[in-house]
Amino acid sequence: MQQEFQHIVKFIRELYKQTEGFIPLHAPVFNGNEKKYLNDCIDSTFVSSVGKYVDLFEERMAEYTGAKKTIACVNGTNALHIALKLVGVEPKTEVITQALTFIATVNAIKYCDADPVFIDVDKDTLGLSPESLKNWLAENVDVTKSQPQLQPQSQPQSQSQPQSQPHNKKTGRRISACVPMHTFGHPCRIDEIMEICNQYHIPVIEDAAESLGSFYKNQHTGTFGEIGVLSFNGNKILTTGGGGMLLFKDEKLAQKAKHLTTQAKVPHLWKFVHDEIGYNYRMPNINAALGLAQLEQLPQFLESKRNIAKKYDDFFSSSALASTLSLIFITEPNNAKSNYWLNTVILKDKTERDAFLKYTNEQGVMTRPAWTLINKLEMFKSCQCENLSNSEWLEERIVNLPSSVRI
């Protein structure tokens, strides 16, 4: 087996033209106007949450994704937190999501004092399974007409108008949102998820943190749900150092998000007036300057990423390794165009996966497994879970390979 692993390491080193030294999983590339825009930002003295680069970055990102409006945040987790609050996620409600995800998805739910419900994923998309979602809702959820005492501020309604509310039959709690994730940049079957959630009057927040540049049926991920969330962490395809973005269909909801993320401060020439609990979540201008320069290079980055993915696919498909190791390279799902943020392989079993991880990392080639399923972490062990057989199968076999953009 070590001979096969050695062959893979050799290929990765040739791919990145690096015969020795450390090869990271995903390193940023600064090859454009980054220094120019950063220097301009510093010279302007507007390095905090006000400045031209924040506005430009939001405008250009809206143009690229097709969102009606975008709001830049300090990071993707902040963006998820605000998105959940905007659609009415409240304490002691439940939010449907997947256990195969980065912990930020579920931490944001707990910030709202809500509880996650874990549903299985599909093996081909690695994202929330519409079939599992449909089955769980049919078995566990009733939709009733209720007379709410207080509507979320983002969704004002007449107090005399009844609202359809989905409730968990076992816990009695309201299902306040569904958060599917586009895992490693591969779009999930978001249109089917939307259709199912609409039937149950459940708002959808898309965790598109990893999928900037990914499209499903020619529509950018993050623009199907009520709100979408992007991340610009240092390891993402586009980075602002740290940062996130909210994608909106509704401009009024976007305005509400901007208000909340700037400490809910009411505009005034000199007074400090705040009309509700707000958050210091607004992206600084200096981060947006970096992001704008990165966004200008996104087409080039995406082309490089798809080229790298093809080389991996060709290597594993044409090599005897595929049959020797029972190895599968994950390609974009049907009807999708993935950004291939991380290139992913499925190995035979956990034993083979661990042996591969040990060997590659000892050789200075950074590889990583999937996250530990969130329901297995101590703080989430008591949460509700559907059958997670696909998630458990993938957790034991996934390995992510070096995927940095090559220039």
Protein backbone atom coordinates (compact mmCIF):
# COMPACT_ATOMS: atom_id res chain seq x y z
CA MET A 1 0.00 0.00 0.00
CA GLN A 2 2.87 2.36 0.76
CA GLN A 3 4.04 2.09 -2.84
CA GLU A 4 0.66 3.34 -4.07
CA PHE A 5 0.72 6.21 -1.56
CA GLN A 6 4.22 7.12 -2.69
CA HIS A 7 2.98 7.30 -6.29
CA ILE A 8 0.22 9.76 -5.25
CA VAL A 9 2.67 11.97 -3.34
CA LYS A 10 4.97 12.01 -6.38
CA PHE A 11 2.06 13.11 -8.59
CA ILE A 12 1.06 15.92 -6.20
CA ARG A 13 4.63 17.21 -6.05
CA GLU A 14 4.82 17.20 -9.85
CA LEU A 15 1.44 18.94 -10.03
CA TYR A 16 2.68 21.77 -7.84
CA LYS A 17 6.23 21.65 -9.25
CA GLN A 18 7.67 21.25 -5.78
CA THR A 19 10.03 18.31 -5.39
CA GLU A 20 10.61 18.94 -1.69
CA GLY A 21 9.30 20.98 1.21
CA PHE A 22 5.79 21.42 2.56
CA ILE A 23 2.75 21.52 0.27
CA PRO A 24 -0.27 23.10 2.04
CA LEU A 25 -3.88 22.07 1.59
CA HIS A 26 -5.00 25.44 0.27
CA ALA A 27 -2.83 28.55 0.30
CA PRO A 28 -3.94 32.03 -0.84
CA VAL A 29 -2.54 33.61 -4.00
CA PHE A 30 -1.89 37.37 -4.13
CA ASN A 31 -1.06 38.10 -7.73
CA GLY A 32 -3.10 41.19 -8.63
CA ASN A 33 -3.94 44.61 -7.18
CA GLU A 34 -3.85 43.55 -3.53
CA LYS A 35 -0.92 45.77 -2.48
CA LYS A 36 -2.13 48.68 -4.59
CA TYR A 37 -5.62 48.66 -3.04
CA LEU A 38 -4.30 48.09 0.48
CA ASN A 39 -1.89 51.02 0.17
CA ASP A 40 -4.69 53.21 -1.18
CA CYS A 41 -6.90 52.16 1.73
CA ILE A 42 -4.17 52.97 4.25
CA ASP A 43 -3.46 56.32 2.60
CA SER A 44 -7.15 57.19 2.82
CA THR A 45 -7.12 56.43 6.58
CA PHE A 46 -10.48 54.66 6.15
CA VAL A 47 -9.36 51.24 7.34
CA SER A 48 -12.36 50.36 9.51
CA SER A 49 -15.99 49.62 8.62
CA VAL A 50 -16.56 52.70 6.43
CA GLY A 51 -14.91 53.26 3.06
CA LYS A 52 -15.19 52.88 -0.69
CA TYR A 53 -13.79 49.35 -0.82
CA VAL A 54 -16.55 47.86 1.34
CA ASP A 55 -19.18 49.37 -0.94
CA LEU A 56 -17.35 48.33 -4.13
CA PHE A 57 -16.75 44.80 -2.88
CA GLU A 58 -20.44 44.38 -2.08
CA GLU A 59 -21.51 45.80 -5.45
CA ARG A 60 -19.14 43.61 -7.46
CA MET A 61 -20.05 40.50 -5.49
CA ALA A 62 -23.76 41.15 -6.14
CA GLU A 63 -23.00 41.48 -9.84
CA TYR A 64 -21.01 38.24 -9.90
CA THR A 65 -23.42 36.07 -7.91
CA GLY A 66 -26.65 37.57 -9.23
CA ALA A 67 -27.82 38.45 -5.71
CA LYS A 68 -30.13 41.45 -5.42
CA LYS A 69 -27.99 42.86 -2.61
CA THR A 70 -24.99 41.78 -0.56
CA ILE A 71 -23.75 42.77 2.91
CA ALA A 72 -20.13 42.19 3.94
CA CYS A 73 -19.37 40.85 7.43
CA VAL A 74 -16.31 40.22 9.58
CA ASN A 75 -16.51 36.47 8.89
CA GLY A 76 -18.80 33.76 7.61
CA THR A 77 -19.89 32.66 11.08
CA ASN A 78 -21.12 36.18 11.89
CA ALA A 79 -22.97 36.19 8.58
CA LEU A 80 -24.68 32.89 9.42
CA HIS A 81 -25.68 34.22 12.84
CA ILE A 82 -27.29 37.34 11.37
CA ALA A 83 -28.98 35.35 8.58
CA LEU A 84 -30.59 33.02 11.12
CA LYS A 85 -31.85 35.93 13.22
CA LEU A 86 -33.27 37.67 10.15
CA VAL A 87 -35.46 34.70 9.17
CA GLY A 88 -36.85 34.37 12.70
CA VAL A 89 -34.67 31.76 14.42
CA GLU A 90 -35.42 32.27 18.10
CA PRO A 91 -34.52 30.57 21.40
CA LYS A 92 -35.99 27.09 21.88
CA THR A 93 -36.70 26.60 18.18
CA GLU A 94 -35.09 23.97 15.93
CA VAL A 95 -32.97 24.33 12.81
CA ILE A 96 -32.48 21.49 10.34
CA THR A 97 -28.95 21.02 9.04
CA GLN A 98 -26.35 18.35 8.29
CA ALA A 99 -23.85 16.70 10.63
CA LEU A 100 -21.20 16.58 7.89
CA THR A 101 -20.24 20.24 8.06
CA PHE A 102 -17.76 22.66 9.59
CA ILE A 103 -18.68 23.48 13.17
CA ALA A 104 -19.39 27.16 12.36
CA THR A 105 -22.70 26.11 10.77
CA VAL A 106 -23.96 24.69 14.04
CA ASN A 107 -22.26 27.19 16.35
CA ALA A 108 -24.25 29.96 14.62
CA ILE A 109 -27.46 28.05 15.39
CA LYS A 110 -26.51 27.85 19.07
CA TYR A 111 -25.70 31.58 19.13
CA CYS A 112 -29.46 32.00 18.59
CA ASP A 113 -30.12 29.58 21.48
CA ALA A 114 -31.77 27.24 18.98
CA ASP A 115 -31.12 23.51 18.58
CA PRO A 116 -29.86 21.74 15.45
CA VAL A 117 -31.57 18.69 13.98
CA PHE A 118 -29.14 16.58 11.94
CA ILE A 119 -30.26 15.09 8.63
CA ASP A 120 -28.23 12.82 6.35
CA VAL A 121 -26.36 13.88 3.21
CA ASP A 122 -26.20 12.42 -0.29
CA LYS A 123 -22.99 10.59 -1.21
CA ASP A 124 -22.67 12.22 -4.62
CA THR A 125 -23.13 15.86 -3.53
CA LEU A 126 -21.88 15.54 0.09
CA GLY A 127 -24.70 17.98 0.91
CA LEU A 128 -28.08 17.71 2.63
CA SER A 129 -30.20 14.93 1.16
CA PRO A 130 -33.63 16.05 -0.09
CA GLU A 131 -34.95 12.51 0.33
CA SER A 132 -33.81 12.31 3.96
CA LEU A 133 -35.20 15.78 4.61
CA LYS A 134 -38.57 14.89 3.06
CA ASN A 135 -38.83 11.66 5.05
CA TRP A 136 -37.92 13.30 8.36
CA LEU A 137 -40.39 16.13 7.88
CA ALA A 138 -43.20 13.75 6.90
CA GLU A 139 -42.64 11.67 10.04
CA ASN A 140 -41.89 14.40 12.56
CA VAL A 141 -43.44 17.73 11.55
CA ASP A 142 -46.94 19.21 11.52
CA VAL A 143 -47.80 22.54 9.96
CA THR A 144 -50.39 24.47 11.91
CA LYS A 145 -52.02 27.87 11.66
CA SER A 146 -51.14 29.98 14.65
CA GLN A 147 -51.65 33.54 15.80
CA PRO A 148 -48.11 34.73 16.57
CA GLN A 149 -47.73 37.27 19.35
CA LEU A 150 -44.60 38.76 17.83
CA GLN A 151 -43.36 38.63 14.25
CA PRO A 152 -39.63 38.80 13.39
CA GLN A 153 -38.81 42.42 12.61
CA SER A 154 -37.52 41.42 9.18
CA GLN A 155 -40.91 39.96 8.25
CA PRO A 156 -43.65 42.30 9.48
CA GLN A 157 -47.20 41.00 9.25
CA SER A 158 -50.57 42.05 10.52
CA GLN A 159 -51.17 40.70 14.02
CA SER A 160 -54.56 39.46 12.83
CA GLN A 161 -53.08 37.37 10.00
CA PRO A 162 -52.56 33.70 10.89
CA GLN A 163 -49.16 32.23 10.01
CA SER A 164 -48.36 28.66 8.97
CA GLN A 165 -45.79 27.32 11.41
CA PRO A 166 -44.07 23.92 11.27
CA HIS A 167 -43.71 22.20 14.63
CA ASN A 168 -41.81 19.09 15.69
CA LYS A 169 -44.48 16.64 16.88
CA LYS A 170 -42.11 15.07 19.41
CA THR A 171 -40.70 18.21 21.03
CA GLY A 172 -43.46 20.72 20.29
CA ARG A 173 -40.85 23.20 19.10
CA ARG A 174 -41.08 25.33 15.98
CA ILE A 175 -38.83 24.45 13.03
CA SER A 176 -37.45 27.91 12.35
CA ALA A 177 -35.00 27.29 9.47
CA CYS A 178 -33.12 24.80 7.33
CA VAL A 179 -29.40 25.24 6.62
CA PRO A 180 -28.01 23.03 3.84
CA MET A 181 -24.32 23.30 2.97
CA HIS A 182 -22.55 23.17 -0.40
CA THR A 183 -19.74 20.94 0.86
CA PHE A 184 -16.21 21.54 -0.45
CA GLY A 185 -17.74 23.72 -3.18
CA HIS A 186 -20.02 21.01 -4.64
CA PRO A 187 -23.64 22.24 -4.94
CA CYS A 188 -26.27 20.17 -3.16
CA ARG A 189 -29.73 19.60 -4.69
CA ILE A 190 -30.81 22.98 -3.47
CA ASP A 191 -33.85 23.31 -5.76
CA GLU A 192 -35.38 20.12 -4.31
CA ILE A 193 -34.58 21.27 -0.77
CA MET A 194 -36.25 24.62 -1.48
CA GLU A 195 -39.38 22.92 -2.82
CA ILE A 196 -39.68 20.67 0.23
CA CYS A 197 -39.05 23.49 2.72
CA ASN A 198 -41.56 25.75 0.96
CA GLN A 199 -44.24 23.09 1.44
CA TYR A 200 -43.56 23.22 5.19
CA HIS A 201 -43.09 27.01 5.36
CA ILE A 202 -39.47 26.61 6.51
CA PRO A 203 -37.06 29.39 5.46
CA VAL A 204 -33.77 28.21 3.91
CA ILE A 205 -30.36 29.71 4.70
CA GLU A 206 -27.71 28.43 2.27
CA ASP A 207 -24.31 27.80 3.81
CA ALA A 208 -22.36 28.60 0.65
CA ALA A 209 -19.20 29.40 2.63
CA GLU A 210 -17.07 27.12 0.45
CA SER A 211 -18.83 27.55 -2.88
CA LEU A 212 -18.02 30.97 -4.34
CA GLY A 213 -17.93 30.36 -8.09
CA SER A 214 -20.13 27.25 -7.94
CA PHE A 215 -23.39 27.09 -9.89
CA TYR A 216 -26.41 24.80 -9.79
CA LYS A 217 -28.54 24.76 -12.93
CA ASN A 218 -26.74 27.94 -14.04
CA GLN A 219 -27.62 29.81 -10.83
CA HIS A 220 -24.97 30.75 -8.27
CA THR A 221 -25.07 28.92 -4.97
CA GLY A 222 -26.32 31.06 -2.12
CA THR A 223 -29.00 32.75 -4.24
CA PHE A 224 -31.70 30.06 -3.98
CA GLY A 225 -32.60 30.42 -0.30
CA GLU A 226 -33.96 33.33 1.66
CA ILE A 227 -30.34 34.29 2.41
CA GLY A 228 -26.99 32.84 1.34
CA VAL A 229 -23.68 33.04 3.19
CA LEU A 230 -20.13 33.13 1.76
CA SER A 231 -16.80 32.91 3.58
CA PHE A 232 -13.53 34.63 2.67
CA ASN A 233 -11.29 32.98 5.25
CA GLY A 234 -7.59 32.66 4.42
CA ASN A 235 -8.06 29.14 3.04
CA LYS A 236 -10.96 29.96 0.71
CA ILE A 237 -10.81 30.41 -3.07
CA LEU A 238 -11.02 34.17 -2.50
CA THR A 239 -9.79 35.67 0.75
CA THR A 240 -10.13 38.94 2.60
CA GLY A 241 -7.99 37.58 5.44
CA GLY A 242 -11.14 37.02 7.44
CA GLY A 243 -14.56 37.86 6.11
CA GLY A 244 -18.01 36.78 5.04
CA MET A 245 -20.89 37.94 2.86
CA LEU A 246 -24.67 37.78 3.04
CA LEU A 247 -26.50 37.31 -0.27
CA PHE A 248 -30.09 38.61 -0.49
CA LYS A 249 -33.10 38.43 -2.78
CA ASP A 250 -34.88 41.07 -0.71
CA GLU A 251 -33.33 44.57 -0.50
CA LYS A 252 -35.31 45.46 2.65
CA LEU A 253 -33.94 42.41 4.40
CA ALA A 254 -30.44 43.42 3.29
CA GLN A 255 -30.97 46.89 4.75
CA LYS A 256 -32.01 45.27 8.02
CA ALA A 257 -28.82 43.16 7.94
CA LYS A 258 -26.64 46.22 7.42
CA HIS A 259 -28.37 47.95 10.33
CA LEU A 260 -27.87 44.99 12.67
CA THR A 261 -24.24 44.46 11.68
CA THR A 262 -23.35 48.10 12.44
CA GLN A 263 -24.52 48.02 16.08
CA ALA A 264 -28.09 48.97 15.07
CA LYS A 265 -27.03 52.61 14.95
CA VAL A 266 -29.62 55.05 13.63
CA PRO A 267 -28.04 57.55 11.19
CA HIS A 268 -27.64 61.01 12.71
CA LEU A 269 -25.23 63.88 12.15
CA TRP A 270 -23.87 63.71 15.71
CA LYS A 271 -26.10 61.71 18.09
CA PHE A 272 -25.46 58.12 19.16
CA VAL A 273 -28.84 56.44 18.82
CA HIS A 274 -29.28 52.65 18.75
CA ASP A 275 -32.79 51.26 18.36
CA GLU A 276 -32.21 47.56 19.18
CA ILE A 277 -29.51 45.02 20.08
CA GLY A 278 -26.91 45.23 17.31
CA TYR A 279 -23.64 43.55 16.42
CA ASN A 280 -20.16 44.73 15.48
CA TYR A 281 -20.09 42.48 12.41
CA ARG A 282 -19.35 44.93 9.57
CA MET A 283 -16.35 44.07 7.38
CA PRO A 284 -13.50 46.61 7.63
CA ASN A 285 -12.58 48.59 4.54
CA ILE A 286 -9.03 47.23 4.57
CA ASN A 287 -10.29 43.63 4.31
CA ALA A 288 -12.65 44.61 1.51
CA ALA A 289 -9.73 46.19 -0.39
CA LEU A 290 -7.98 42.83 -0.34
CA GLY A 291 -11.21 41.08 -1.35
CA LEU A 292 -11.86 43.39 -4.30
CA ALA A 293 -8.40 42.67 -5.72
CA GLN A 294 -9.02 38.94 -5.24
CA LEU A 295 -12.43 39.12 -6.90
CA GLU A 296 -10.84 40.64 -10.01
CA GLN A 297 -8.82 37.42 -10.33
CA LEU A 298 -11.65 34.99 -9.57
CA PRO A 299 -12.17 33.81 -13.18
CA GLN A 300 -8.48 32.94 -13.38
CA PHE A 301 -8.61 31.19 -10.01
CA LEU A 302 -11.64 29.13 -11.05
CA GLU A 303 -10.04 28.11 -14.33
CA SER A 304 -6.96 26.96 -12.44
CA LYS A 305 -9.07 25.04 -9.92
CA ARG A 306 -10.97 23.16 -12.62
CA ASN A 307 -7.71 22.38 -14.40
CA ILE A 308 -6.24 20.95 -11.20
CA ALA A 309 -9.39 18.87 -10.60
CA LYS A 310 -9.18 17.45 -14.13
CA LYS A 311 -5.55 16.47 -13.62
CA TYR A 312 -6.46 14.70 -10.39
CA ASP A 313 -9.41 12.99 -12.07
CA ASP A 314 -7.32 11.87 -15.04
CA PHE A 315 -4.55 10.61 -12.77
CA PHE A 316 -6.82 8.54 -10.56
CA SER A 317 -8.96 7.30 -13.47
CA SER A 318 -6.06 6.18 -15.66
CA SER A 319 -3.95 4.78 -12.86
CA ALA A 320 -4.09 1.30 -11.42
CA LEU A 321 -4.36 3.06 -8.07
CA ALA A 322 -8.11 3.41 -8.44
CA SER A 323 -8.62 -0.33 -8.49
CA THR A 324 -5.80 -1.15 -6.06
CA LEU A 325 -7.05 1.27 -3.43
CA SER A 326 -10.75 1.27 -4.40
CA LEU A 327 -10.27 5.02 -4.58
CA ILE A 328 -12.93 7.40 -5.94
CA PHE A 329 -12.28 11.01 -6.94
CA ILE A 330 -15.29 13.24 -6.22
CA THR A 331 -16.46 15.14 -9.31
CA GLU A 332 -19.14 17.80 -9.62
CA PRO A 333 -22.74 16.50 -9.28
CA ASN A 334 -25.25 16.46 -12.13
CA ASN A 335 -26.60 19.89 -13.13
CA ALA A 336 -23.75 21.55 -11.23
CA LYS A 337 -20.57 23.47 -11.95
CA SER A 338 -18.30 23.21 -8.90
CA ASN A 339 -15.48 25.51 -7.94
CA TYR A 340 -13.52 22.46 -6.69
CA TRP A 341 -12.45 24.41 -3.63
CA LEU A 342 -11.03 21.20 -2.17
CA ASN A 343 -10.27 18.11 -4.24
CA THR A 344 -11.66 15.09 -2.47
CA VAL A 345 -11.10 11.35 -2.69
CA ILE A 346 -12.98 8.49 -1.08
CA LEU A 347 -10.83 5.62 0.19
CA LYS A 348 -11.78 2.02 0.89
CA ASP A 349 -12.32 2.31 4.64
CA LYS A 350 -11.18 4.12 7.77
CA THR A 351 -8.03 1.99 8.10
CA GLU A 352 -6.88 2.87 4.60
CA ARG A 353 -7.85 6.50 5.09
CA ASP A 354 -5.81 6.81 8.28
CA ALA A 355 -2.80 5.11 6.71
CA PHE A 356 -2.98 7.51 3.77
CA LEU A 357 -3.31 10.58 6.01
CA LYS A 358 -0.34 9.46 8.11
CA TYR A 359 1.91 8.77 5.13
CA THR A 360 1.13 11.94 3.15
CA ASN A 361 1.51 14.28 6.12
CA GLU A 362 4.77 12.61 7.14
CA GLN A 363 5.97 13.27 3.58
CA GLY A 364 5.18 16.99 3.86
CA VAL A 365 2.04 16.85 1.72
CA MET A 366 -0.88 18.24 3.69
CA THR A 367 -4.06 16.15 3.49
CA ARG A 368 -7.06 16.28 5.77
CA PRO A 369 -10.06 14.08 6.60
CA ALA A 370 -13.66 15.26 6.68
CA TRP A 371 -14.76 16.95 9.89
CA THR A 372 -15.82 14.83 12.83
CA LEU A 373 -19.60 14.58 12.50
CA ILE A 374 -21.05 17.38 14.62
CA ASN A 375 -23.47 15.07 16.46
CA LYS A 376 -20.43 13.18 17.84
CA LEU A 377 -18.99 16.27 19.52
CA GLU A 378 -19.65 16.47 23.26
CA MET A 379 -21.71 19.68 23.13
CA PHE A 380 -24.04 18.32 20.42
CA LYS A 381 -24.43 14.68 21.44
CA SER A 382 -27.94 15.22 22.78
CA CYS A 383 -29.26 16.79 19.56
CA GLN A 384 -31.84 15.05 17.40
CA CYS A 385 -30.46 12.92 14.55
CA GLU A 386 -32.02 11.20 11.58
CA ASN A 387 -30.34 8.07 10.18
CA LEU A 388 -26.86 9.38 9.27
CA SER A 389 -25.54 6.30 7.46
CA ASN A 390 -24.22 8.24 4.44
CA SER A 391 -22.61 10.86 6.67
CA GLU A 392 -20.92 8.18 8.77
CA TRP A 393 -19.73 6.31 5.66
CA LEU A 394 -18.22 9.48 4.19
CA GLU A 395 -16.65 10.60 7.49
CA GLU A 396 -14.62 7.39 7.61
CA ARG A 397 -13.37 7.59 4.00
CA ILE A 398 -12.98 11.22 2.85
CA VAL A 399 -9.54 12.73 2.30
CA ASN A 400 -8.98 16.24 0.94
CA LEU A 401 -5.89 16.72 -1.23
CA PRO A 402 -3.77 19.85 -1.85
CA SER A 403 -5.94 22.22 -3.90
CA SER A 404 -4.19 25.60 -4.03
CA VAL A 405 -4.59 27.70 -7.17
CA ARG A 406 -1.63 27.32 -9.53
CA ILE A 407 -0.49 30.49 -11.33
